[in-house]
Structure formats: C-alpha cells, structure tokens
Amino acid sequence: MLAAAGIAAAAPARAQFLEAVRADAGPTLGDARGQKFKVGVEVTADGGPCRGIYATLPVPADWPEQKVQIVAEDLSPDVRSLRYRMLPGGVKQMVVEIPDLPAGQTARAVVTFALERSSIVPPADPSSLAAPEKPDRALRAFLGPSPYIETRHPKIVKLAKGAGEELQGWQKVEALYDAVRERVEYRNGELKGAARALADGWGDCEELTCLFIAVCRVEGIPARTVWVEGHCYPEFYLVDARGTGHWFPCQAAGARAFGGMPDQLPILQKGDAFRDPDRPGKTLRYVSEFIRGSATDGGGSPRVKWIREPG
C-alpha cells in the first residue's frame, strides 16, 4: 500500500513538473561573444571657424541578450560636453556639444563600448505560447502601422489572414514567417517598404522585416524591428501559460532561423516608430545620426565623419 501510495503521489508531482516546464516557454540565451565597438563623430571646420555644433548618434544599450559597458571615451579639447540620454522606446543616444571650432581644426568624440552579445536559442516546446489577449500600452505601439510597415494595406491584410487562418500562437507566427519568405525573394535594393516589396515579389532585409512585422501585427501579434550593425531582423511577442511575455527573434532574410538568433552582431536599437526631440513632427523608423551648427562671420561649414566600427 505504501509503495502504491508513493507512486500515486509521484504522478501528480511529475505532471506538475512537466506543466511548469511547458509554461516556461521563453527563449534561452546561448553562447556569448565578447567584442568591442566604437561609436562617435569627428567634425572639421572647413573654410573657416564654426560654432554651436551639436550632434547626436545612437549607441548600443543593454538588452536581455546584450550587456554593454563603456571602456573608453576619446574627447578632443574642443568638445565641451558628452552625455547620454534615452528616448522613449529604449534608444540610447550620445549627445556631443562643441561650442567653437577654429578654422581647419578637427574635434573628435569617440566612445569604445565592450559588448557581451549572446545568441538566442528557440524554446524546446512552444506549444503553450499565444498572442497577448490584453496588450498594455507599451505593446500596443507594436500593433499598428509604422514607417514602411503598412498594416492596413489590403494585400498585406489578405496575406496575413490567408497564411494564419485557423492557426494560433507559435504555429500562426511560423506560418506567417514562411508565407513572407515564399512570397518575397531576398534581393538588395532601395528601401521601399512592405507593400511595395509584396507587390514586386522581392526586397532586402528591411523589406522582408517590414512585411513580416506587418502581417504579425494584422493578426494581433506584437512585432518590432531589431537594428544591428549593417543588418536588421524582426522580433515577435508571445505569452506563455504563466502569462509571461517573451520576445522571439527570427531571420527574415537569409538562412532560415525562426524563434532564435544565431547571429551576435551589436544591437543598436529596437523598434521602428521613434520620436526624437531634435527632429520634432517626424516619426523615425530608425534614429539616425543628427548634427547642426553654423559658420562664423560667413566662414566655413562643418565636415562630419560618423564613426561606427569594431573596436
């Protein structure tokens, strides 16, 4: 009787253990790669002195799969200040101010970052994952249109509804992923957005990323762009059985990688609809470099070199 009772007691415990394993269906960090990355700006006063130079540029920030430390700041004497700020949505910017720059002089502000960038392994059992039923305000930002992500375009809506019909959760997202890769050939070209890429049948990594994000959002699945050095890819958001949400990456262009990410390129920012206080009235797909300044007494103009390279 005691042995039988022990077996009976063990069965529910094992069931609870398996249920806990299934509930914890988030991504797993894989191997980590350490690397150094330099970001900065050099400004030369060509033809005469310049004043009031103000520059901003995006820099790597912490994410679950990326840890960042500043290891060096190289500032020339003409640089009055260098600081950092966060924009809504999580973009980190370096802000550089150079009040006066004599003719022919070059001011330099370059920061070296040490990055630990992990690969991402997809969940072993994604069957419990589902779209969020009541997304909060932060998630709702990743459910509507963004620049070049035309979620209301009839052909994009038709593709999303057809590919995801009668499917849920992980299976639905994977069907959307495969449909985008089947309909749009990966080919380099100018930025043209999701709708045009679908109509043309080809596009580069930005177009494939835009289209995948668009069809996910049509189906109520939050999705966003991940910008890495020289490339971009999408992430989508699902909730596990415990109600915990997770972002899962995939490689829209190139070798197939769904729900995980083997690449370990430096992450520059995540998202595709930003507001920058220095560019009011514009919604930015990517927060690019920005500079302003003026010549002195009809003098020169600043010549700018943006630096973004391995350290």
Protein backbone atom coordinates (compact mmCIF):
# COMPACT_ATOMS: atom_id res chain seq x y z
CA MET A 1 0.00 0.00 0.00
CA LEU A 2 2.83 2.43 0.87
CA ALA A 3 4.56 1.77 -2.44
CA ALA A 4 1.33 2.25 -4.35
CA ALA A 5 0.63 5.45 -2.45
CA GLY A 6 4.15 6.69 -3.25
CA ILE A 7 3.61 6.02 -6.95
CA ALA A 8 0.24 7.78 -6.85
CA ALA A 9 1.81 10.78 -5.12
CA ALA A 10 4.65 10.89 -7.61
CA ALA A 11 2.36 11.02 -10.63
CA PRO A 12 0.78 14.42 -9.80
CA ALA A 13 4.20 15.79 -8.87
CA ARG A 14 5.61 14.75 -12.23
CA ALA A 15 2.60 16.22 -14.01
CA GLN A 16 3.14 19.50 -12.17
CA PHE A 17 6.82 19.46 -13.11
CA LEU A 18 6.04 18.89 -16.79
CA GLU A 19 3.41 21.61 -16.71
CA ALA A 20 5.97 24.01 -15.24
CA VAL A 21 8.43 23.11 -18.00
CA ARG A 22 5.77 23.74 -20.64
CA ALA A 23 4.78 27.03 -19.01
CA ASP A 24 8.35 28.32 -19.09
CA ALA A 25 8.48 28.52 -22.87
CA GLY A 26 10.64 31.60 -23.30
CA PRO A 27 13.83 31.90 -25.33
CA THR A 28 17.17 30.81 -23.87
CA LEU A 29 20.44 32.66 -24.14
CA GLY A 30 23.13 30.70 -25.95
CA ASP A 31 26.85 31.26 -26.15
CA ALA A 32 28.11 34.80 -25.56
CA ARG A 33 30.61 36.66 -27.69
CA GLY A 34 32.70 39.48 -26.26
CA GLN A 35 33.57 42.32 -28.62
CA LYS A 36 34.46 46.00 -28.64
CA PHE A 37 32.61 48.57 -30.69
CA LYS A 38 33.45 52.23 -31.35
CA VAL A 39 30.85 54.93 -31.92
CA GLY A 40 31.49 58.62 -32.38
CA VAL A 41 31.88 61.68 -34.56
CA GLU A 42 34.70 63.79 -35.99
CA VAL A 43 33.93 67.36 -37.09
CA THR A 44 36.34 69.51 -39.13
CA ALA A 45 35.83 73.25 -39.67
CA ASP A 46 36.43 73.58 -43.40
CA GLY A 47 36.93 77.05 -44.89
CA GLY A 48 36.62 78.94 -41.64
CA PRO A 49 35.57 78.70 -37.98
CA CYS A 50 32.28 77.11 -36.86
CA ARG A 51 30.20 77.44 -33.73
CA GLY A 52 27.28 75.82 -31.95
CA ILE A 53 27.94 72.28 -33.17
CA TYR A 54 25.53 69.83 -31.63
CA ALA A 55 25.45 66.15 -32.63
CA THR A 56 23.52 63.07 -31.54
CA LEU A 57 24.05 59.46 -32.54
CA PRO A 58 22.65 56.09 -31.41
CA VAL A 59 24.85 53.86 -29.28
CA PRO A 60 24.50 50.24 -28.09
CA ALA A 61 22.39 49.69 -24.97
CA ASP A 62 21.58 46.79 -22.65
CA TRP A 63 19.07 44.19 -23.81
CA PRO A 64 18.41 40.71 -22.40
CA GLU A 65 20.84 39.27 -24.98
CA GLN A 66 23.34 42.15 -24.84
CA LYS A 67 25.30 43.68 -21.98
CA VAL A 68 27.18 46.93 -22.59
CA GLN A 69 29.95 48.78 -20.74
CA ILE A 70 31.78 51.98 -21.65
CA VAL A 71 35.51 51.28 -21.55
CA ALA A 72 36.98 54.47 -23.09
CA GLU A 73 36.00 57.99 -24.12
CA ASP A 74 38.29 59.81 -26.57
CA LEU A 75 37.46 63.54 -26.47
CA SER A 76 39.43 66.34 -28.08
CA PRO A 77 39.80 69.68 -26.19
CA ASP A 78 37.16 71.41 -28.36
CA VAL A 79 34.42 69.08 -27.09
CA ARG A 80 32.66 70.87 -24.24
CA SER A 81 30.41 68.00 -23.19
CA LEU A 82 29.49 64.43 -23.95
CA ARG A 83 26.42 62.90 -22.34
CA TYR A 84 23.86 60.16 -22.92
CA ARG A 85 20.07 60.14 -22.97
CA MET A 86 17.30 57.61 -23.53
CA LEU A 87 14.48 58.25 -25.98
CA PRO A 88 11.00 56.77 -25.47
CA GLY A 89 11.11 53.25 -26.83
CA GLY A 90 14.56 52.48 -25.48
CA VAL A 91 17.01 54.13 -27.89
CA LYS A 92 20.19 55.35 -26.23
CA GLN A 93 21.84 58.42 -27.77
CA MET A 94 25.22 60.03 -27.34
CA VAL A 95 24.94 63.86 -27.26
CA VAL A 96 28.04 65.87 -28.22
CA GLU A 97 28.40 69.67 -27.94
CA ILE A 98 31.22 71.71 -29.50
CA PRO A 99 30.68 75.46 -28.87
CA ASP A 100 33.53 76.79 -31.04
CA LEU A 101 35.77 75.13 -33.61
CA PRO A 102 38.61 77.19 -35.17
CA ALA A 103 39.20 77.03 -38.92
CA GLY A 104 40.95 73.85 -40.00
CA GLN A 105 40.61 72.20 -36.59
CA THR A 106 39.05 68.77 -36.04
CA ALA A 107 37.05 67.91 -32.94
CA ARG A 108 36.65 64.28 -32.01
CA ALA A 109 34.32 62.41 -29.65
CA VAL A 110 34.61 58.63 -29.86
CA VAL A 111 33.43 56.11 -27.27
CA THR A 112 34.54 52.49 -27.07
CA PHE A 113 31.98 50.01 -25.76
CA ALA A 114 32.62 46.47 -24.52
CA LEU A 115 29.72 44.24 -25.56
CA GLU A 116 28.76 40.77 -24.47
CA ARG A 117 26.30 39.58 -27.11
CA SER A 118 24.56 36.23 -26.70
CA SER A 119 22.93 34.10 -29.33
CA ILE A 120 19.29 33.11 -28.69
CA VAL A 121 18.01 29.53 -28.70
CA PRO A 122 14.32 28.92 -29.52
CA PRO A 123 12.11 27.24 -26.88
CA ALA A 124 12.08 23.43 -26.88
CA ASP A 125 8.28 23.34 -26.55
CA PRO A 126 6.47 26.45 -27.82
CA SER A 127 3.02 24.82 -27.82
CA SER A 128 1.74 26.87 -24.86
CA LEU A 129 2.62 30.24 -26.40
CA ALA A 130 -0.19 32.54 -27.51
CA ALA A 131 -0.80 36.11 -28.63
CA PRO A 132 -1.45 38.53 -25.73
CA GLU A 133 -5.18 38.91 -25.08
CA LYS A 134 -4.96 42.37 -23.48
CA PRO A 135 -1.74 44.07 -24.60
CA ASP A 136 -0.71 47.03 -22.48
CA ARG A 137 0.08 50.47 -23.86
CA ALA A 138 3.74 49.63 -24.49
CA LEU A 139 2.81 46.57 -26.54
CA ARG A 140 0.10 48.39 -28.47
CA ALA A 141 2.85 50.52 -30.00
CA PHE A 142 3.92 47.37 -31.85
CA LEU A 143 0.48 46.52 -33.21
CA GLY A 144 -0.20 49.46 -35.53
CA PRO A 145 1.42 50.97 -38.62
CA SER A 146 4.98 52.32 -38.63
CA PRO A 147 7.00 53.96 -41.41
CA TYR A 148 7.15 51.43 -44.28
CA ILE A 149 5.08 48.93 -42.25
CA GLU A 150 1.62 49.36 -43.81
CA THR A 151 -0.57 47.19 -41.61
CA ARG A 152 -3.78 48.46 -43.24
CA HIS A 153 -2.80 47.77 -46.84
CA PRO A 154 -5.41 45.37 -48.36
CA LYS A 155 -2.86 43.00 -49.88
CA ILE A 156 -0.91 42.76 -46.62
CA VAL A 157 -4.12 42.09 -44.68
CA LYS A 158 -5.09 39.42 -47.23
CA LEU A 159 -1.70 37.70 -46.94
CA ALA A 160 -1.88 37.72 -43.13
CA LYS A 161 -5.43 36.37 -42.94
CA GLY A 162 -4.76 33.66 -45.51
CA ALA A 163 -1.47 32.43 -44.05
CA GLY A 164 -2.59 32.48 -40.42
CA GLU A 165 -6.13 31.13 -40.90
CA GLU A 166 -7.26 28.66 -38.19
CA LEU A 167 -3.83 28.68 -36.56
CA GLN A 168 -2.84 30.01 -33.13
CA GLY A 169 0.27 31.08 -31.27
CA TRP A 170 3.61 29.80 -32.44
CA GLN A 171 2.13 27.88 -35.40
CA LYS A 172 0.42 31.01 -36.68
CA VAL A 173 3.56 33.12 -36.48
CA GLU A 174 5.65 30.44 -38.17
CA ALA A 175 3.08 30.20 -40.99
CA LEU A 176 3.28 33.98 -41.44
CA TYR A 177 7.08 33.78 -41.47
CA ASP A 178 7.10 31.08 -44.14
CA ALA A 179 4.50 32.92 -46.25
CA VAL A 180 6.59 36.11 -46.29
CA ARG A 181 9.75 34.24 -47.28
CA GLU A 182 7.88 32.36 -50.01
CA ARG A 183 6.27 35.48 -51.48
CA VAL A 184 9.25 37.86 -51.34
CA GLU A 185 12.67 36.97 -52.73
CA TYR A 186 15.66 38.34 -50.88
CA ARG A 187 17.43 40.82 -53.15
CA ASN A 188 19.34 44.02 -52.37
CA GLY A 189 17.75 47.31 -53.37
CA GLU A 190 16.49 50.67 -52.18
CA LEU A 191 14.13 50.95 -49.22
CA LYS A 192 10.55 50.68 -50.47
CA GLY A 193 8.51 49.20 -47.62
CA ALA A 194 6.32 46.17 -47.03
CA ALA A 195 3.53 46.81 -49.54
CA ARG A 196 5.83 47.56 -52.45
CA ALA A 197 8.02 44.53 -51.67
CA LEU A 198 4.95 42.30 -51.66
CA ALA A 199 3.80 43.74 -54.98
CA ASP A 200 7.27 43.43 -56.57
CA GLY A 201 7.98 40.00 -55.11
CA TRP A 202 11.44 40.97 -53.91
CA GLY A 203 13.18 43.11 -51.31
CA ASP A 204 16.16 43.23 -48.98
CA CYS A 205 16.38 42.57 -45.24
CA GLU A 206 14.44 45.74 -44.40
CA GLU A 207 11.55 44.87 -46.72
CA LEU A 208 11.30 41.28 -45.50
CA THR A 209 11.44 42.50 -41.92
CA CYS A 210 8.78 45.16 -42.60
CA LEU A 211 6.43 42.67 -44.24
CA PHE A 212 6.78 40.03 -41.54
CA ILE A 213 6.15 42.64 -38.84
CA ALA A 214 3.13 43.94 -40.75
CA VAL A 215 1.44 40.54 -41.09
CA CYS A 216 2.12 39.74 -37.43
CA ARG A 217 0.51 43.00 -36.34
CA VAL A 218 -2.51 42.37 -38.57
CA GLU A 219 -3.01 39.11 -36.66
CA GLY A 220 -2.73 40.79 -33.25
CA ILE A 221 0.84 39.68 -32.57
CA PRO A 222 3.18 42.49 -31.45
CA ALA A 223 6.33 42.69 -33.55
CA ARG A 224 9.23 45.11 -33.95
CA THR A 225 12.50 45.69 -35.80
CA VAL A 226 15.89 44.85 -34.31
CA TRP A 227 18.65 47.01 -35.78
CA VAL A 228 22.12 45.50 -35.69
CA GLU A 229 25.29 46.69 -37.37
CA GLY A 230 24.72 46.50 -41.14
CA HIS A 231 21.50 44.50 -40.90
CA CYS A 232 18.04 44.22 -39.33
CA TYR A 233 15.64 41.43 -38.39
CA PRO A 234 12.25 41.16 -36.65
CA GLU A 235 11.11 40.06 -33.21
CA PHE A 236 7.60 38.90 -32.29
CA TYR A 237 5.93 38.73 -28.88
CA LEU A 238 4.01 35.80 -27.39
CA VAL A 239 2.80 34.95 -23.89
CA ASP A 240 3.41 31.64 -22.12
CA ALA A 241 0.98 29.65 -19.95
CA ARG A 242 2.02 31.65 -16.88
CA GLY A 243 1.08 34.90 -18.57
CA THR A 244 4.70 35.96 -19.03
CA GLY A 245 5.52 37.62 -22.33
CA HIS A 246 8.64 36.95 -24.37
CA TRP A 247 10.22 38.48 -27.46
CA PHE A 248 11.40 35.94 -30.03
CA PRO A 249 13.69 36.86 -32.94
CA CYS A 250 13.78 35.42 -36.43
CA GLN A 251 15.90 35.92 -39.53
CA ALA A 252 13.58 37.30 -42.20
CA ALA A 253 16.30 37.47 -44.86
CA GLY A 254 18.98 34.87 -45.47
CA ALA A 255 19.34 31.50 -43.78
CA ARG A 256 16.19 30.29 -42.04
CA ALA A 257 16.19 30.97 -38.29
CA PHE A 258 12.80 31.12 -36.55
CA GLY A 259 12.33 31.82 -32.84
CA GLY A 260 16.06 32.06 -32.20
CA MET A 261 19.03 34.06 -33.42
CA PRO A 262 22.49 32.61 -34.02
CA ASP A 263 23.96 35.96 -35.09
CA GLN A 264 25.80 38.02 -32.47
CA LEU A 265 26.12 41.40 -34.16
CA PRO A 266 25.97 44.51 -31.93
CA ILE A 267 22.37 45.63 -31.32
CA LEU A 268 21.98 49.36 -31.98
CA GLN A 269 18.25 49.78 -31.24
CA LYS A 270 14.90 48.01 -31.27
CA GLY A 271 11.67 49.42 -32.68
CA ASP A 272 10.50 51.21 -35.84
CA ALA A 273 8.50 54.30 -34.79
CA PHE A 274 10.52 56.80 -32.74
CA ARG A 275 10.28 60.45 -31.75
CA ASP A 276 13.47 62.49 -31.45
CA PRO A 277 13.21 65.91 -29.73
CA ASP A 278 15.74 67.31 -32.22
CA ARG A 279 13.50 66.34 -35.16
CA PRO A 280 10.01 67.32 -33.96
CA GLY A 281 7.00 66.38 -36.03
CA LYS A 282 8.67 63.36 -37.61
CA THR A 283 8.21 59.69 -36.83
CA LEU A 284 11.53 57.96 -37.38
CA ARG A 285 11.83 54.36 -38.50
CA TYR A 286 15.42 54.38 -37.25
CA VAL A 287 17.07 57.00 -35.05
CA SER A 288 19.97 58.01 -37.24
CA GLU A 289 22.83 60.43 -36.63
CA PHE A 290 21.97 64.14 -36.41
CA ILE A 291 24.07 67.30 -36.43
CA ARG A 292 23.57 71.05 -36.54
CA GLY A 293 25.92 74.04 -36.37
CA SER A 294 26.69 77.32 -38.07
CA ALA A 295 29.55 79.18 -39.71
CA THR A 296 31.14 82.21 -38.05
CA ASP A 297 31.05 85.51 -39.98
CA GLY A 298 30.42 83.80 -43.29
CA GLY A 299 33.20 81.32 -42.60
CA GLY A 300 33.34 77.59 -43.09
CA SER A 301 30.99 74.71 -42.71
CA PRO A 302 31.48 71.60 -40.58
CA ARG A 303 32.66 68.46 -42.37
CA VAL A 304 31.39 65.41 -40.50
CA LYS A 305 32.66 61.85 -40.24
CA TRP A 306 30.46 59.42 -38.32
CA ILE A 307 32.30 56.52 -36.67
CA ARG A 308 30.70 53.11 -36.13
CA GLU A 309 33.19 50.27 -36.29
CA PRO A 310 34.67 47.32 -34.39
CA GLY A 311 36.87 48.46 -31.53
